[in-house]
PDB file of N, CA and C in Angstrom:
ATOM      1  N   MET A   1      33.588 -51.480  10.417  1.00  0.00           N
ATOM      2  CA  MET A   1      32.393 -51.954  11.256  1.00  0.00           C
ATOM      3  C   MET A   1      31.383 -51.204  10.304  1.00  0.00           C
ATOM      4  N   ALA A   2      30.414 -51.844  11.055  1.00  0.00           N
ATOM      5  CA  ALA A   2      28.946 -51.805  10.205  1.00  0.00           C
ATOM      6  C   ALA A   2      27.943 -51.099  11.054  1.00  0.00           C
ATOM      7  N   ALA A   3      27.033 -50.549  11.053  1.00  0.00           N
ATOM      8  CA  ALA A   3      26.201 -49.876  11.565  1.00  0.00           C
ATOM      9  C   ALA A   3      24.706 -49.824  11.451  1.00  0.00           C
ATOM     10  N   THR A   4      23.670 -50.457  12.436  1.00  0.00           N
ATOM     11  CA  THR A   4      22.561 -50.467  12.338  1.00  0.00           C
ATOM     12  C   THR A   4      21.688 -49.358  12.031  1.00  0.00           C
ATOM     13  N   ASP A   5      20.331 -49.136  11.962  1.00  0.00           N
ATOM     14  CA  ASP A   5      19.556 -48.694  11.774  1.00  0.00           C
ATOM     15  C   ASP A   5      19.411 -47.303  12.720  1.00  0.00           C
ATOM     16  N   ARG A   6      19.922 -48.168  14.046  1.00  0.00           N
ATOM     17  CA  ARG A   6      19.826 -46.982  15.668  1.00  0.00           C
ATOM     18  C   ARG A   6      21.120 -46.541  15.401  1.00  0.00           C
ATOM     19  N   GLY A   7      21.819 -46.808  14.887  1.00  0.00           N
ATOM     20  CA  GLY A   7      23.200 -45.789  15.044  1.00  0.00           C
ATOM     21  C   GLY A   7      24.154 -46.383  15.973  1.00  0.00           C
ATOM     22  N   VAL A   8      24.265 -47.792  16.521  1.00  0.00           N
ATOM     23  CA  VAL A   8      24.808 -48.507  16.989  1.00  0.00           C
ATOM     24  C   VAL A   8      25.681 -49.162  16.178  1.00  0.00           C
ATOM     25  N   LYS A   9      27.256 -48.754  16.783  1.00  0.00           N
ATOM     26  CA  LYS A   9      28.239 -49.262  15.641  1.00  0.00           C
ATOM     27  C   LYS A   9      28.671 -50.788  15.829  1.00  0.00           C
ATOM     28  N   ILE A  10      28.688 -51.990  15.431  1.00  0.00           N
ATOM     29  CA  ILE A  10      28.817 -53.575  15.375  1.00  0.00           C
ATOM     30  C   ILE A  10      29.685 -53.605  15.098  1.00  0.00           C
ATOM     31  N   PRO A  11      31.054 -54.120  15.297  1.00  0.00           N
ATOM     32  CA  PRO A  11      32.443 -54.395  15.092  1.00  0.00           C
ATOM     33  C   PRO A  11      32.666 -55.773  13.896  1.00  0.00           C
ATOM     34  N   GLU A  12      34.016 -55.158  13.352  1.00  0.00           N
ATOM     35  CA  GLU A  12      33.917 -56.773  12.669  1.00  0.00           C
ATOM     36  C   GLU A  12      34.721 -57.718  13.469  1.00  0.00           C
ATOM     37  N   PHE A  13      34.211 -58.889  13.716  1.00  0.00           N
ATOM     38  CA  PHE A  13      34.784 -59.741  14.482  1.00  0.00           C
ATOM     39  C   PHE A  13      35.738 -61.238  14.084  1.00  0.00           C
ATOM     40  N   GLU A  14      36.927 -61.257  14.707  1.00  0.00           N
ATOM     41  CA  GLU A  14      38.195 -62.208  14.577  1.00  0.00           C
ATOM     42  C   GLU A  14      37.339 -63.497  14.526  1.00  0.00           C
ATOM     43  N   SER A  15      36.312 -63.699  15.438  1.00  0.00           N
ATOM     44  CA  SER A  15      36.210 -64.957  15.825  1.00  0.00           C
ATOM     45  C   SER A  15      34.736 -65.120  16.498  1.00  0.00           C
ATOM     46  N   GLU A  16      33.832 -66.551  16.246  1.00  0.00           N
ATOM     47  CA  GLU A  16      32.875 -66.468  16.757  1.00  0.00           C
ATOM     48  C   GLU A  16      32.771 -66.465  18.455  1.00  0.00           C
ATOM     49  N   THR A  17      33.747 -66.373  19.079  1.00  0.00           N
ATOM     50  CA  THR A  17      33.656 -66.253  20.690  1.00  0.00           C
ATOM     51  C   THR A  17      34.096 -64.566  20.651  1.00  0.00           C
ATOM     52  N   GLN A  18      34.652 -63.955  19.902  1.00  0.00           N
ATOM     53  CA  GLN A  18      34.616 -62.746  19.930  1.00  0.00           C
ATOM     54  C   GLN A  18      33.084 -62.188  19.735  1.00  0.00           C
ATOM     55  N   GLU A  19      32.528 -62.457  18.882  1.00  0.00           N
ATOM     56  CA  GLU A  19      31.653 -61.838  18.628  1.00  0.00           C
ATOM     57  C   GLU A  19      30.258 -62.521  19.563  1.00  0.00           C
ATOM     58  N   ALA A  20      30.032 -63.508  19.757  1.00  0.00           N
ATOM     59  CA  ALA A  20      29.218 -63.894  21.117  1.00  0.00           C
ATOM     60  C   ALA A  20      29.184 -63.218  22.291  1.00  0.00           C
ATOM     61  N   SER A  21      30.753 -62.820  22.747  1.00  0.00           N
ATOM     62  CA  SER A  21      31.067 -62.102  24.001  1.00  0.00           C
ATOM     63  C   SER A  21      30.684 -60.453  23.591  1.00  0.00           C
ATOM     64  N   TRP A  22      30.498 -59.866  22.199  1.00  0.00           N
ATOM     65  CA  TRP A  22      30.349 -58.528  22.107  1.00  0.00           C
ATOM     66  C   TRP A  22      28.665 -58.583  22.545  1.00  0.00           C
ATOM     67  N   TRP A  23      28.079 -59.544  21.891  1.00  0.00           N
ATOM     68  CA  TRP A  23      26.565 -59.356  21.880  1.00  0.00           C
ATOM     69  C   TRP A  23      26.073 -59.871  23.159  1.00  0.00           C
ATOM     70  N   ASP A  24      27.079 -60.854  23.862  1.00  0.00           N
ATOM     71  CA  ASP A  24      26.082 -60.603  25.428  1.00  0.00           C
ATOM     72  C   ASP A  24      26.392 -59.725  26.233  1.00  0.00           C
ATOM     73  N   GLU A  25      28.033 -58.543  26.037  1.00  0.00           N
ATOM     74  CA  GLU A  25      27.601 -57.690  27.016  1.00  0.00           C
ATOM     75  C   GLU A  25      26.721 -56.681  26.301  1.00  0.00           C
ATOM     76  N   HIS A  26      26.217 -56.609  25.245  1.00  0.00           N
ATOM     77  CA  HIS A  26      25.234 -55.505  24.673  1.00  0.00           C
ATOM     78  C   HIS A  26      23.891 -56.121  24.514  1.00  0.00           C
ATOM     79  N   LYS A  27      23.670 -57.036  25.113  1.00  0.00           N
ATOM     80  CA  LYS A  27      22.292 -57.730  25.154  1.00  0.00           C
ATOM     81  C   LYS A  27      21.322 -56.779  26.059  1.00  0.00           C
ATOM     82  N   ASP A  28      21.643 -55.427  26.682  1.00  0.00           N
ATOM     83  CA  ASP A  28      20.345 -54.586  27.153  1.00  0.00           C
ATOM     84  C   ASP A  28      20.346 -53.591  25.840  1.00  0.00           C
ATOM     85  N   MET A  29      21.114 -53.491  25.078  1.00  0.00           N
ATOM     86  CA  MET A  29      20.873 -52.619  24.355  1.00  0.00           C
ATOM     87  C   MET A  29      20.293 -53.305  22.800  1.00  0.00           C
ATOM     88  N   VAL A  30      20.738 -54.564  23.359  1.00  0.00           N
ATOM     89  CA  VAL A  30      20.053 -54.911  21.992  1.00  0.00           C
ATOM     90  C   VAL A  30      18.215 -55.332  22.319  1.00  0.00           C
ATOM     91  N   GLU A  31      18.105 -55.296  23.424  1.00  0.00           N
ATOM     92  CA  GLU A  31      16.854 -55.685  23.830  1.00  0.00           C
ATOM     93  C   GLU A  31      15.790 -54.706  23.728  1.00  0.00           C
ATOM     94  N   GLU A  32      16.756 -53.172  24.075  1.00  0.00           N
ATOM     95  CA  GLU A  32      15.871 -51.649  24.272  1.00  0.00           C
ATOM     96  C   GLU A  32      15.891 -51.594  22.613  1.00  0.00           C
ATOM     97  N   ASN A  33      16.613 -51.965  21.439  1.00  0.00           N
ATOM     98  CA  ASN A  33      16.589 -51.473  20.303  1.00  0.00           C
ATOM     99  C   ASN A  33      15.213 -52.556  19.708  1.00  0.00           C
ATOM    100  N   LEU A  34      14.965 -53.821  19.885  1.00  0.00           N
ATOM    101  CA  LEU A  34      13.719 -54.808  19.588  1.00  0.00           C
ATOM    102  C   LEU A  34      12.859 -54.201  20.343  1.00  0.00           C
ATOM    103  N   ILE A  35      12.370 -53.719  21.367  1.00  0.00           N
ATOM    104  CA  ILE A  35      11.379 -53.425  21.994  1.00  0.00           C
ATOM    105  C   ILE A  35      10.894 -51.899  21.547  1.00  0.00           C
ATOM    106  N   ALA A  36      11.759 -50.978  21.072  1.00  0.00           N
ATOM    107  CA  ALA A  36      11.528 -50.137  20.656  1.00  0.00           C
ATOM    108  C   ALA A  36      10.789 -50.353  19.191  1.00  0.00           C
ATOM    109  N   ALA A  37      11.226 -50.998  18.095  1.00  0.00           N
ATOM    110  CA  ALA A  37      11.138 -51.427  17.129  1.00  0.00           C
ATOM    111  C   ALA A  37       9.687 -52.051  17.091  1.00  0.00           C
ATOM    112  N   MET A  38       9.207 -52.901  18.272  1.00  0.00           N
ATOM    113  CA  MET A  38       7.855 -53.214  18.146  1.00  0.00           C
ATOM    114  C   MET A  38       7.187 -52.336  18.546  1.00  0.00           C
ATOM    115  N   ARG A  39       7.389 -51.351  19.304  1.00  0.00           N
ATOM    116  CA  ARG A  39       6.693 -50.084  19.798  1.00  0.00           C
ATOM    117  C   ARG A  39       6.012 -49.351  18.376  1.00  0.00           C
ATOM    118  N   GLU A  40       7.412 -49.507  17.922  1.00  0.00           N
ATOM    119  CA  GLU A  40       7.107 -48.013  16.460  1.00  0.00           C
ATOM    120  C   GLU A  40       6.484 -49.233  15.125  1.00  0.00           C
ATOM    121  N   GLY A  41       6.333 -50.346  15.419  1.00  0.00           N
ATOM    122  CA  GLY A  41       5.720 -51.375  13.988  1.00  0.00           C
ATOM    123  C   GLY A  41       6.823 -51.346  13.286  1.00  0.00           C
ATOM    124  N   THR A  42       8.104 -51.444  13.688  1.00  0.00           N
ATOM    125  CA  THR A  42       8.849 -51.745  12.744  1.00  0.00           C
ATOM    126  C   THR A  42       9.997 -52.800  12.498  1.00  0.00           C
ATOM    127  N   ALA A  43       9.518 -53.568  13.298  1.00  0.00           N
ATOM    128  CA  ALA A  43      10.150 -55.039  13.745  1.00  0.00           C
ATOM    129  C   ALA A  43       9.295 -56.106  13.122  1.00  0.00           C
ATOM    130  N   GLU A  44       9.570 -56.713  12.212  1.00  0.00           N
ATOM    131  CA  GLU A  44       8.680 -57.548  11.379  1.00  0.00           C
ATOM    132  C   GLU A  44       9.156 -59.370  11.841  1.00  0.00           C
ATOM    133  N   LYS A  45       8.418 -59.991  11.889  1.00  0.00           N
ATOM    134  CA  LYS A  45       8.503 -61.317  12.188  1.00  0.00           C
ATOM    135  C   LYS A  45       9.098 -62.300  11.299  1.00  0.00           C
ATOM    136  N   GLY A  46      10.389 -62.546  12.098  1.00  0.00           N
ATOM    137  CA  GLY A  46      10.728 -63.825  10.620  1.00  0.00           C
ATOM    138  C   GLY A  46      11.944 -63.120   9.837  1.00  0.00           C
ATOM    139  N   ASN A  47      11.651 -61.298   9.708  1.00  0.00           N
ATOM    140  CA  ASN A  47      12.702 -60.890   8.808  1.00  0.00           C
ATOM    141  C   ASN A  47      14.044 -60.988   8.308  1.00  0.00           C
ATOM    142  N   ALA A  48      14.208 -60.860   9.756  1.00  0.00           N
ATOM    143  CA  ALA A  48      15.917 -61.549   9.264  1.00  0.00           C
ATOM    144  C   ALA A  48      16.312 -63.111   8.856  1.00  0.00           C
ATOM    145  N   GLN A  49      15.328 -64.191   9.266  1.00  0.00           N
ATOM    146  CA  GLN A  49      15.748 -65.099   8.715  1.00  0.00           C
ATOM    147  C   GLN A  49      15.089 -65.168   6.934  1.00  0.00           C
ATOM    148  N   ARG A  50      13.905 -64.749   6.964  1.00  0.00           N
ATOM    149  CA  ARG A  50      13.666 -64.408   5.367  1.00  0.00           C
ATOM    150  C   ARG A  50      14.468 -63.733   4.430  1.00  0.00           C
ATOM    151  N   LEU A  51      15.201 -62.765   5.217  1.00  0.00           N
ATOM    152  CA  LEU A  51      15.938 -62.178   4.005  1.00  0.00           C
ATOM    153  C   LEU A  51      17.187 -63.145   3.956  1.00  0.00           C
ATOM    154  N   ALA A  52      17.751 -63.799   5.006  1.00  0.00           N
ATOM    155  CA  ALA A  52      18.659 -64.375   4.661  1.00  0.00           C
ATOM    156  C   ALA A  52      18.749 -65.811   4.340  1.00  0.00           C
ATOM    157  N   LYS A  53      17.185 -66.390   4.086  1.00  0.00           N
ATOM    158  CA  LYS A  53      16.601 -67.818   2.965  1.00  0.00           C
ATOM    159  C   LYS A  53      16.711 -66.541   1.642  1.00  0.00           C
ATOM    160  N   GLU A  54      16.578 -65.439   1.075  1.00  0.00           N
ATOM    161  CA  GLU A  54      16.388 -64.906  -0.150  1.00  0.00           C
ATOM    162  C   GLU A  54      17.372 -64.809  -0.307  1.00  0.00           C
ATOM    163  N   ALA A  55      18.732 -64.510   0.319  1.00  0.00           N
ATOM    164  CA  ALA A  55      19.789 -63.919  -0.288  1.00  0.00           C
ATOM    165  C   ALA A  55      20.696 -65.206  -0.657  1.00  0.00           C
ATOM    166  N   ARG A  56      20.263 -66.259  -0.038  1.00  0.00           N
ATOM    167  CA  ARG A  56      20.941 -67.396  -1.116  1.00  0.00           C
ATOM    168  C   ARG A  56      19.720 -68.451  -1.287  1.00  0.00           C
ATOM    169  N   VAL A  57      20.214 -68.802  -2.780  1.00  0.00           N
ATOM    170  CA  VAL A  57      19.410 -69.888  -3.318  1.00  0.00           C
ATOM    171  C   VAL A  57      19.748 -70.569  -3.230  1.00  0.00           C
ATOM    172  N   SER A  58      19.169 -72.216  -2.802  1.00  0.00           N
ATOM    173  CA  SER A  58      19.784 -73.632  -2.810  1.00  0.00           C
ATOM    174  C   SER A  58      18.994 -74.661  -2.932  1.00  0.00           C
ATOM    175  N   LYS A  59      19.490 -75.813  -3.514  1.00  0.00           N
ATOM    176  CA  LYS A  59      18.529 -76.631  -3.839  1.00  0.00           C
ATOM    177  C   LYS A  59      18.959 -78.215  -3.093  1.00  0.00           C
ATOM    178  N   ASN A  60      17.931 -78.931  -2.691  1.00  0.00           N
ATOM    179  CA  ASN A  60      17.866 -79.763  -1.989  1.00  0.00           C
ATOM    180  C   ASN A  60      18.558 -81.254  -2.837  1.00  0.00           C
ATOM    181  N   ILE A  61      19.708 -81.763  -2.231  1.00  0.00           N
ATOM    182  CA  ILE A  61      20.417 -82.797  -2.881  1.00  0.00           C
ATOM    183  C   ILE A  61      20.637 -84.199  -2.091  1.00  0.00           C
ATOM    184  N   THR A  62      20.705 -85.212  -2.258  1.00  0.00           N
ATOM    185  CA  THR A  62      20.748 -86.397  -1.248  1.00  0.00           C
ATOM    186  C   THR A  62      21.920 -86.782  -1.622  1.00  0.00           C
ATOM    187  N   ILE A  63      22.936 -86.746  -1.017  1.00  0.00           N
ATOM    188  CA  ILE A  63      23.868 -87.705  -1.183  1.00  0.00           C
ATOM    189  C   ILE A  63      23.993 -89.032  -0.122  1.00  0.00           C
ATOM    190  N   ARG A  64      25.035 -89.865  -0.536  1.00  0.00           N
ATOM    191  CA  ARG A  64      25.058 -90.917   0.265  1.00  0.00           C
ATOM    192  C   ARG A  64      26.532 -91.033   1.086  1.00  0.00           C
ATOM    193  N   MET A  65      26.637 -91.094   2.476  1.00  0.00           N
ATOM    194  CA  MET A  65      28.172 -90.814   2.599  1.00  0.00           C
ATOM    195  C   MET A  65      28.027 -91.918   4.009  1.00  0.00           C
ATOM    196  N   PRO A  66      29.429 -92.598   3.869  1.00  0.00           N
ATOM    197  CA  PRO A  66      29.401 -93.169   5.489  1.00  0.00           C
ATOM    198  C   PRO A  66      29.128 -93.118   6.683  1.00  0.00           C
ATOM    199  N   LEU A  67      28.254 -93.845   7.387  1.00  0.00           N
ATOM    200  CA  LEU A  67      27.472 -93.636   8.529  1.00  0.00           C
ATOM    201  C   LEU A  67      28.847 -93.166   9.382  1.00  0.00           C
ATOM    202  N   ALA A  68      29.897 -93.514   9.553  1.00  0.00           N
ATOM    203  CA  ALA A  68      31.160 -93.270  10.566  1.00  0.00           C
ATOM    204  C   ALA A  68      31.338 -91.707  10.406  1.00  0.00           C
ATOM    205  N   ASP A  69      31.269 -91.186   9.005  1.00  0.00           N
ATOM    206  CA  ASP A  69      31.494 -89.768   8.850  1.00  0.00           C
ATOM    207  C   ASP A  69      30.260 -88.999   9.868  1.00  0.00           C
ATOM    208  N   LEU A  70      29.122 -89.718   9.037  1.00  0.00           N
ATOM    209  CA  LEU A  70      27.819 -88.695   9.838  1.00  0.00           C
ATOM    210  C   LEU A  70      27.712 -88.642  11.079  1.00  0.00           C
ATOM    211  N   GLU A  71      27.914 -89.320  11.865  1.00  0.00           N
ATOM    212  CA  GLU A  71      28.516 -89.600  13.688  1.00  0.00           C
ATOM    213  C   GLU A  71      28.944 -88.556  13.889  1.00  0.00           C
ATOM    214  N   ARG A  72      30.081 -88.362  13.196  1.00  0.00           N
ATOM    215  CA  ARG A  72      31.614 -87.635  13.540  1.00  0.00           C
ATOM    216  C   ARG A  72      30.875 -85.882  12.977  1.00  0.00           C
ATOM    217  N   ALA A  73      30.426 -86.145  12.127  1.00  0.00           N
ATOM    218  CA  ALA A  73      29.254 -84.674  11.593  1.00  0.00           C
ATOM    219  C   ALA A  73      28.520 -84.241  13.210  1.00  0.00           C
ATOM    220  N   ARG A  74      27.806 -85.383  13.181  1.00  0.00           N
ATOM    221  CA  ARG A  74      26.640 -85.153  14.164  1.00  0.00           C
ATOM    222  C   ARG A  74      27.142 -84.242  15.561  1.00  0.00           C
ATOM    223  N   GLN A  75      28.164 -85.477  16.051  1.00  0.00           N
ATOM    224  CA  GLN A  75      29.125 -85.137  17.249  1.00  0.00           C
ATOM    225  C   GLN A  75      30.025 -83.522  17.408  1.00  0.00           C
ATOM    226  N   LEU A  76      30.104 -83.303  16.121  1.00  0.00           N
ATOM    227  CA  LEU A  76      31.083 -81.990  16.156  1.00  0.00           C
ATOM    228  C   LEU A  76      30.158 -80.654  15.940  1.00  0.00           C
ATOM    229  N   SER A  77      29.024 -80.664  15.213  1.00  0.00           N
ATOM    230  CA  SER A  77      28.050 -79.993  15.651  1.00  0.00           C
ATOM    231  C   SER A  77      26.925 -79.846  16.441  1.00  0.00           C
ATOM    232  N   ALA A  78      27.349 -80.930  17.171  1.00  0.00           N
ATOM    233  CA  ALA A  78      26.776 -80.617  18.851  1.00  0.00           C
ATOM    234  C   ALA A  78      27.467 -80.084  20.105  1.00  0.00           C
ATOM    235  N   ARG A  79      28.833 -79.857  19.564  1.00  0.00           N
ATOM    236  CA  ARG A  79      29.844 -79.426  20.209  1.00  0.00           C
ATOM    237  C   ARG A  79      29.813 -78.032  19.994  1.00  0.00           C
ATOM    238  N   LYS A  80      29.745 -77.287  18.953  1.00  0.00           N
ATOM    239  CA  LYS A  80      29.364 -76.758  18.291  1.00  0.00           C
ATOM    240  C   LYS A  80      28.439 -75.181  18.463  1.00  0.00           C
ATOM    241  N   GLY A  81      27.442 -76.282  18.636  1.00  0.00           N
ATOM    242  CA  GLY A  81      25.915 -75.606  18.627  1.00  0.00           C
ATOM    243  C   GLY A  81      25.181 -75.234  17.372  1.00  0.00           C
ATOM    244  N   LEU A  82      25.431 -76.354  16.490  1.00  0.00           N
ATOM    245  CA  LEU A  82      25.009 -76.249  15.017  1.00  0.00           C
ATOM    246  C   LEU A  82      24.238 -77.623  15.038  1.00  0.00           C
ATOM    247  N   ALA A  83      23.143 -77.357  13.718  1.00  0.00           N
ATOM    248  CA  ALA A  83      22.986 -78.339  13.465  1.00  0.00           C
ATOM    249  C   ALA A  83      23.709 -79.082  12.543  1.00  0.00           C
ATOM    250  N   TYR A  84      23.901 -80.580  12.738  1.00  0.00           N
ATOM    251  CA  TYR A  84      24.750 -81.329  11.603  1.00  0.00           C
ATOM    252  C   TYR A  84      24.896 -80.896  10.030  1.00  0.00           C
ATOM    253  N   GLN A  85      23.672 -80.733   9.436  1.00  0.00           N
ATOM    254  CA  GLN A  85      23.503 -80.532   8.209  1.00  0.00           C
ATOM    255  C   GLN A  85      23.985 -78.901   8.290  1.00  0.00           C
ATOM    256  N   THR A  86      24.108 -78.236   8.811  1.00  0.00           N
ATOM    257  CA  THR A  86      24.495 -76.725   8.943  1.00  0.00           C
ATOM    258  C   THR A  86      25.900 -76.925   8.587  1.00  0.00           C
ATOM    259  N   LEU A  87      26.784 -77.987   9.955  1.00  0.00           N
ATOM    260  CA  LEU A  87      27.922 -77.784   9.929  1.00  0.00           C
ATOM    261  C   LEU A  87      28.597 -78.467   8.100  1.00  0.00           C
ATOM    262  N   ILE A  88      28.098 -79.595   7.924  1.00  0.00           N
ATOM    263  CA  ILE A  88      27.967 -80.310   6.599  1.00  0.00           C
ATOM    264  C   ILE A  88      28.406 -79.461   5.440  1.00  0.00           C
ATOM    265  N   LYS A  89      27.315 -78.049   5.557  1.00  0.00           N
ATOM    266  CA  LYS A  89      27.546 -77.122   4.621  1.00  0.00           C
ATOM    267  C   LYS A  89      28.275 -76.524   4.560  1.00  0.00           C
ATOM    268  N   MET A  90      28.806 -75.910   5.510  1.00  0.00           N
ATOM    269  CA  MET A  90      30.046 -74.925   6.330  1.00  0.00           C
ATOM    270  C   MET A  90      31.470 -75.703   6.051  1.00  0.00           C
ATOM    271  N   LEU A  91      31.963 -76.953   6.254  1.00  0.00           N
ATOM    272  CA  LEU A  91      32.844 -77.784   5.873  1.00  0.00           C
ATOM    273  C   LEU A  91      32.999 -77.536   4.029  1.00  0.00           C
ATOM    274  N   LEU A  92      31.834 -78.037   3.055  1.00  0.00           N
ATOM    275  CA  LEU A  92      31.836 -78.516   1.916  1.00  0.00           C
ATOM    276  C   LEU A  92      32.276 -76.838   1.603  1.00  0.00           C
ATOM    277  N   HIS A  93      31.282 -76.033   1.737  1.00  0.00           N
ATOM    278  CA  HIS A  93      31.920 -74.467   1.560  1.00  0.00           C
ATOM    279  C   HIS A  93      33.314 -74.735   1.284  1.00  0.00           C
ATOM    280  N   GLU A  94      34.001 -74.673   3.228  1.00  0.00           N
ATOM    281  CA  GLU A  94      35.217 -74.308   2.905  1.00  0.00           C
ATOM    282  C   GLU A  94      36.694 -75.179   2.293  1.00  0.00           C
ATOM    283  N   ALA A  95      35.867 -76.494   1.967  1.00  0.00           N
ATOM    284  CA  ALA A  95      37.094 -77.486   1.040  1.00  0.00           C
ATOM    285  C   ALA A  95      36.311 -76.725  -0.232  1.00  0.00           C
ATOM    286  N   LEU A  96      35.453 -76.597  -0.166  1.00  0.00           N
ATOM    287  CA  LEU A  96      35.682 -76.001  -2.292  1.00  0.00           C
ATOM    288  C   LEU A  96      36.000 -74.533  -2.342  1.00  0.00           C
ATOM    289  N   ASP A  97      36.342 -73.635  -1.584  1.00  0.00           N
ATOM    290  CA  ASP A  97      37.049 -72.290  -1.446  1.00  0.00           C
ATOM    291  C   ASP A  97      38.133 -72.853  -1.530  1.00  0.00           C
ATOM    292  N   ARG A  98      38.769 -73.773  -0.360  1.00  0.00           N
ATOM    293  CA  ARG A  98      40.609 -74.110  -0.573  1.00  0.00           C
ATOM    294  C   ARG A  98      40.533 -74.856  -1.772  1.00  0.00           C
ATOM    295  N   GLU A  99      39.901 -76.104  -2.111  1.00  0.00           N
ATOM    296  CA  GLU A  99      40.082 -76.304  -3.599  1.00  0.00           C
ATOM    297  C   GLU A  99      40.505 -75.421  -4.752  1.00  0.00           C
ATOM    298  N   GLU A 100      39.660 -74.433  -5.032  1.00  0.00           N
ATOM    299  CA  GLU A 100      39.578 -73.558  -5.963  1.00  0.00           C
ATOM    300  C   GLU A 100      40.512 -72.761  -6.184  1.00  0.00           C
ATOM    301  N   LYS A 101      41.120 -72.221  -4.530  1.00  0.00           N
ATOM    302  CA  LYS A 101      42.326 -71.519  -4.357  1.00  0.00           C
ATOM    303  C   LYS A 101      43.610 -72.164  -4.787  1.00  0.00           C
ATOM    304  N   ARG A 102      43.653 -73.554  -4.756  1.00  0.00           N
ATOM    305  CA  ARG A 102      44.743 -74.169  -5.091  1.00  0.00           C
ATOM    306  C   ARG A 102      45.157 -74.220  -6.541  1.00  0.00           C
ATOM    307  N   THR A 103      43.686 -74.864  -7.212  1.00  0.00           N
ATOM    308  CA  THR A 103      43.214 -74.980  -8.699  1.00  0.00           C
ATOM    309  C   THR A 103      44.056 -73.968  -9.654  1.00  0.00           C
ATOM    310  N   ASP A 104      43.576 -72.442  -8.587  1.00  0.00           N
ATOM    311  CA  ASP A 104      43.931 -71.210  -9.205  1.00  0.00           C
ATOM    312  C   ASP A 104      45.167 -70.666  -9.159  1.00  0.00           C
ATOM    313  N   ALA A 105      46.062 -71.418  -8.462  1.00  0.00           N
ATOM    314  CA  ALA A 105      47.321 -71.127  -8.082  1.00  0.00           C
ATOM    315  C   ALA A 105      48.285 -71.601  -9.229  1.00  0.00           C
TER     316      ALA A 105
END
């Protein structure tokens, strides 16, 4: 379990559904913590996004892919509520991990 700086325990989640349910059930607490941080001046605009961006270094690339695959990615990402480029990056990362494990075995 991870703890926030306000002492709230955030559990490890087994699925996105489980995580979404937990955050939904605790939205009042999250709102209270955010309001308190804003009053105290400790909430920073875009802080989480900035830290996430700084944590991962990336490079823009251009790739050619079949239009049918691109359309499939767009449809899948819409069902998952993600941007299609995010889904493609996630799938590529998972495929690279699988391939790496296969070649290491």
